[in-house]
């Protein structure tokens, strides 16, 4: 499999402050979700690349790698969806909806 030590180190970028979150209370959650989505995207690409490399010699292994890639892609989408829901909730809260 691909050597993960070759993957460039990722430094999470500071998440921008949201309108409804002036104190940055959800900043840590947003950073974690964004970092998780990025890492899953890298995993998806690694699995796809490796599956393409071994397809002719080991088609069963390639099929397993494609399944793992699709799981990583699905989980990436779920992380981004959670991030979007958090953003929408913060915007609704910041728009005057004292909850």
C-alpha atoms as a PDB file:
ATOM      1  CA  UNK A   1       0.000   0.000   0.000  1.00  0.00           C
ATOM      2  CA  UNK A   2       1.112   3.581  -0.264  1.00  0.00           C
ATOM      3  CA  UNK A   3       3.527   4.734   2.377  1.00  0.00           C
ATOM      4  CA  UNK A   4       1.657   7.314   4.465  1.00  0.00           C
ATOM      5  CA  UNK A   5       4.979   8.855   5.513  1.00  0.00           C
ATOM      6  CA  UNK A   6       5.225  10.229   1.956  1.00  0.00           C
ATOM      7  CA  UNK A   7       1.986  12.147   2.414  1.00  0.00           C
ATOM      8  CA  UNK A   8       2.831  15.801   3.034  1.00  0.00           C
ATOM      9  CA  UNK A   9       2.225  17.013   6.548  1.00  0.00           C
ATOM     10  CA  UNK A  10      -1.053  18.830   6.898  1.00  0.00           C
ATOM     11  CA  UNK A  11      -1.322  21.947   8.975  1.00  0.00           C
ATOM     12  CA  UNK A  12      -4.984  22.801   9.524  1.00  0.00           C
ATOM     13  CA  UNK A  13      -5.817  26.313   8.452  1.00  0.00           C
ATOM     14  CA  UNK A  14      -7.564  28.554  10.916  1.00  0.00           C
ATOM     15  CA  UNK A  15     -11.290  28.346  10.360  1.00  0.00           C
ATOM     16  CA  UNK A  16     -12.939  31.701   9.700  1.00  0.00           C
ATOM     17  CA  UNK A  17     -15.207  33.049  12.405  1.00  0.00           C
ATOM     18  CA  UNK A  18     -18.887  32.563  11.676  1.00  0.00           C
ATOM     19  CA  UNK A  19     -21.519  35.255  12.065  1.00  0.00           C
ATOM     20  CA  UNK A  20     -23.341  33.479  14.900  1.00  0.00           C
ATOM     21  CA  UNK A  21     -20.225  32.343  16.705  1.00  0.00           C
ATOM     22  CA  UNK A  22     -18.363  35.480  17.804  1.00  0.00           C
ATOM     23  CA  UNK A  23     -16.385  33.708  20.534  1.00  0.00           C
ATOM     24  CA  UNK A  24     -15.335  30.855  18.290  1.00  0.00           C
ATOM     25  CA  UNK A  25     -17.005  28.259  20.499  1.00  0.00           C
ATOM     26  CA  UNK A  26     -17.458  25.879  17.584  1.00  0.00           C
ATOM     27  CA  UNK A  27     -14.071  26.600  15.998  1.00  0.00           C
ATOM     28  CA  UNK A  28     -12.533  23.404  17.346  1.00  0.00           C
ATOM     29  CA  UNK A  29     -15.415  21.311  15.994  1.00  0.00           C
ATOM     30  CA  UNK A  30     -15.176  23.008  12.602  1.00  0.00           C
ATOM     31  CA  UNK A  31     -11.406  22.483  12.496  1.00  0.00           C
ATOM     32  CA  UNK A  32     -11.797  18.791  13.347  1.00  0.00           C
ATOM     33  CA  UNK A  33     -14.504  18.241  10.718  1.00  0.00           C
ATOM     34  CA  UNK A  34     -12.536  20.094   8.034  1.00  0.00           C
ATOM     35  CA  UNK A  35      -9.350  18.191   8.872  1.00  0.00           C
ATOM     36  CA  UNK A  36     -11.242  14.899   8.865  1.00  0.00           C
ATOM     37  CA  UNK A  37     -12.733  15.635   5.429  1.00  0.00           C
ATOM     38  CA  UNK A  38      -9.311  16.534   3.996  1.00  0.00           C
ATOM     39  CA  UNK A  39      -7.691  13.367   5.335  1.00  0.00           C
ATOM     40  CA  UNK A  40     -10.514  11.201   4.000  1.00  0.00           C
ATOM     41  CA  UNK A  41     -10.119  12.844   0.607  1.00  0.00           C
ATOM     42  CA  UNK A  42      -6.413  11.971   0.635  1.00  0.00           C
ATOM     43  CA  UNK A  43      -7.282   8.401   1.609  1.00  0.00           C
ATOM     44  CA  UNK A  44      -9.775   8.207  -1.274  1.00  0.00           C
ATOM     45  CA  UNK A  45      -7.136   9.323  -3.759  1.00  0.00           C
ATOM     46  CA  UNK A  46      -4.513   6.952  -2.324  1.00  0.00           C
ATOM     47  CA  UNK A  47      -6.852   3.963  -2.462  1.00  0.00           C
ATOM     48  CA  UNK A  48      -7.880   4.758  -6.040  1.00  0.00           C
ATOM     49  CA  UNK A  49      -4.286   5.232  -7.160  1.00  0.00           C
ATOM     50  CA  UNK A  50      -3.150   2.000  -5.553  1.00  0.00           C
ATOM     51  CA  UNK A  51      -6.137   0.093  -6.969  1.00  0.00           C
ATOM     52  CA  UNK A  52      -5.263   1.309 -10.466  1.00  0.00           C
ATOM     53  CA  UNK A  53      -1.644   0.214  -9.980  1.00  0.00           C
ATOM     54  CA  UNK A  54      -2.481  -3.350  -8.894  1.00  0.00           C
ATOM     55  CA  UNK A  55      -5.605  -3.974 -10.971  1.00  0.00           C
ATOM     56  CA  UNK A  56      -4.004  -6.191 -13.638  1.00  0.00           C
ATOM     57  CA  UNK A  57      -2.086  -8.377 -11.180  1.00  0.00           C
ATOM     58  CA  UNK A  58      -4.563  -8.551  -8.301  1.00  0.00           C
ATOM     59  CA  UNK A  59      -8.113  -7.666  -9.387  1.00  0.00           C
ATOM     60  CA  UNK A  60      -9.649  -8.862  -6.096  1.00  0.00           C
ATOM     61  CA  UNK A  61      -7.345  -6.597  -4.090  1.00  0.00           C
ATOM     62  CA  UNK A  62      -8.146  -3.720  -6.426  1.00  0.00           C
ATOM     63  CA  UNK A  63     -11.865  -4.315  -5.889  1.00  0.00           C
ATOM     64  CA  UNK A  64     -11.369  -4.206  -2.116  1.00  0.00           C
ATOM     65  CA  UNK A  65      -9.374  -1.006  -2.416  1.00  0.00           C
ATOM     66  CA  UNK A  66     -12.107   0.598  -4.517  1.00  0.00           C
ATOM     67  CA  UNK A  67     -14.657  -0.323  -1.842  1.00  0.00           C
ATOM     68  CA  UNK A  68     -12.465   1.310   0.800  1.00  0.00           C
ATOM     69  CA  UNK A  69     -12.055   4.363  -1.424  1.00  0.00           C
ATOM     70  CA  UNK A  70     -15.820   4.690  -1.782  1.00  0.00           C
ATOM     71  CA  UNK A  71     -16.260   4.405   1.989  1.00  0.00           C
ATOM     72  CA  UNK A  72     -13.685   7.142   2.500  1.00  0.00           C
ATOM     73  CA  UNK A  73     -15.464   9.311  -0.062  1.00  0.00           C
ATOM     74  CA  UNK A  74     -18.828   8.738   1.646  1.00  0.00           C
ATOM     75  CA  UNK A  75     -17.402   9.608   5.058  1.00  0.00           C
ATOM     76  CA  UNK A  76     -15.792  12.714   3.579  1.00  0.00           C
ATOM     77  CA  UNK A  77     -19.194  13.812   2.284  1.00  0.00           C
ATOM     78  CA  UNK A  78     -20.755  13.138   5.706  1.00  0.00           C
ATOM     79  CA  UNK A  79     -18.076  15.264   7.401  1.00  0.00           C
ATOM     80  CA  UNK A  80     -18.643  18.110   4.958  1.00  0.00           C
ATOM     81  CA  UNK A  81     -22.412  17.819   5.447  1.00  0.00           C
ATOM     82  CA  UNK A  82     -21.967  18.056   9.231  1.00  0.00           C
ATOM     83  CA  UNK A  83     -19.743  21.094   8.725  1.00  0.00           C
ATOM     84  CA  UNK A  84     -22.400  22.725   6.537  1.00  0.00           C
ATOM     85  CA  UNK A  85     -25.133  21.994   9.108  1.00  0.00           C
ATOM     86  CA  UNK A  86     -22.997  23.534  11.838  1.00  0.00           C
ATOM     87  CA  UNK A  87     -22.434  26.596   9.683  1.00  0.00           C
ATOM     88  CA  UNK A  88     -26.166  26.942   8.940  1.00  0.00           C
ATOM     89  CA  UNK A  89     -27.032  26.569  12.640  1.00  0.00           C
ATOM     90  CA  UNK A  90     -24.503  29.224  13.610  1.00  0.00           C
ATOM     91  CA  UNK A  91     -25.805  31.598  10.952  1.00  0.00           C
ATOM     92  CA  UNK A  92     -29.413  31.086  12.087  1.00  0.00           C
ATOM     93  CA  UNK A  93     -28.380  31.648  15.702  1.00  0.00           C
ATOM     94  CA  UNK A  94     -26.434  34.782  14.767  1.00  0.00           C
ATOM     95  CA  UNK A  95     -29.322  36.197  12.721  1.00  0.00           C
ATOM     96  CA  UNK A  96     -31.192  37.116  15.888  1.00  0.00           C
ATOM     97  CA  UNK A  97     -32.654  33.760  16.755  1.00  0.00           C
ATOM     98  CA  UNK A  98     -31.805  33.722  20.474  1.00  0.00           C
ATOM     99  CA  UNK A  99     -32.157  30.031  21.316  1.00  0.00           C
END
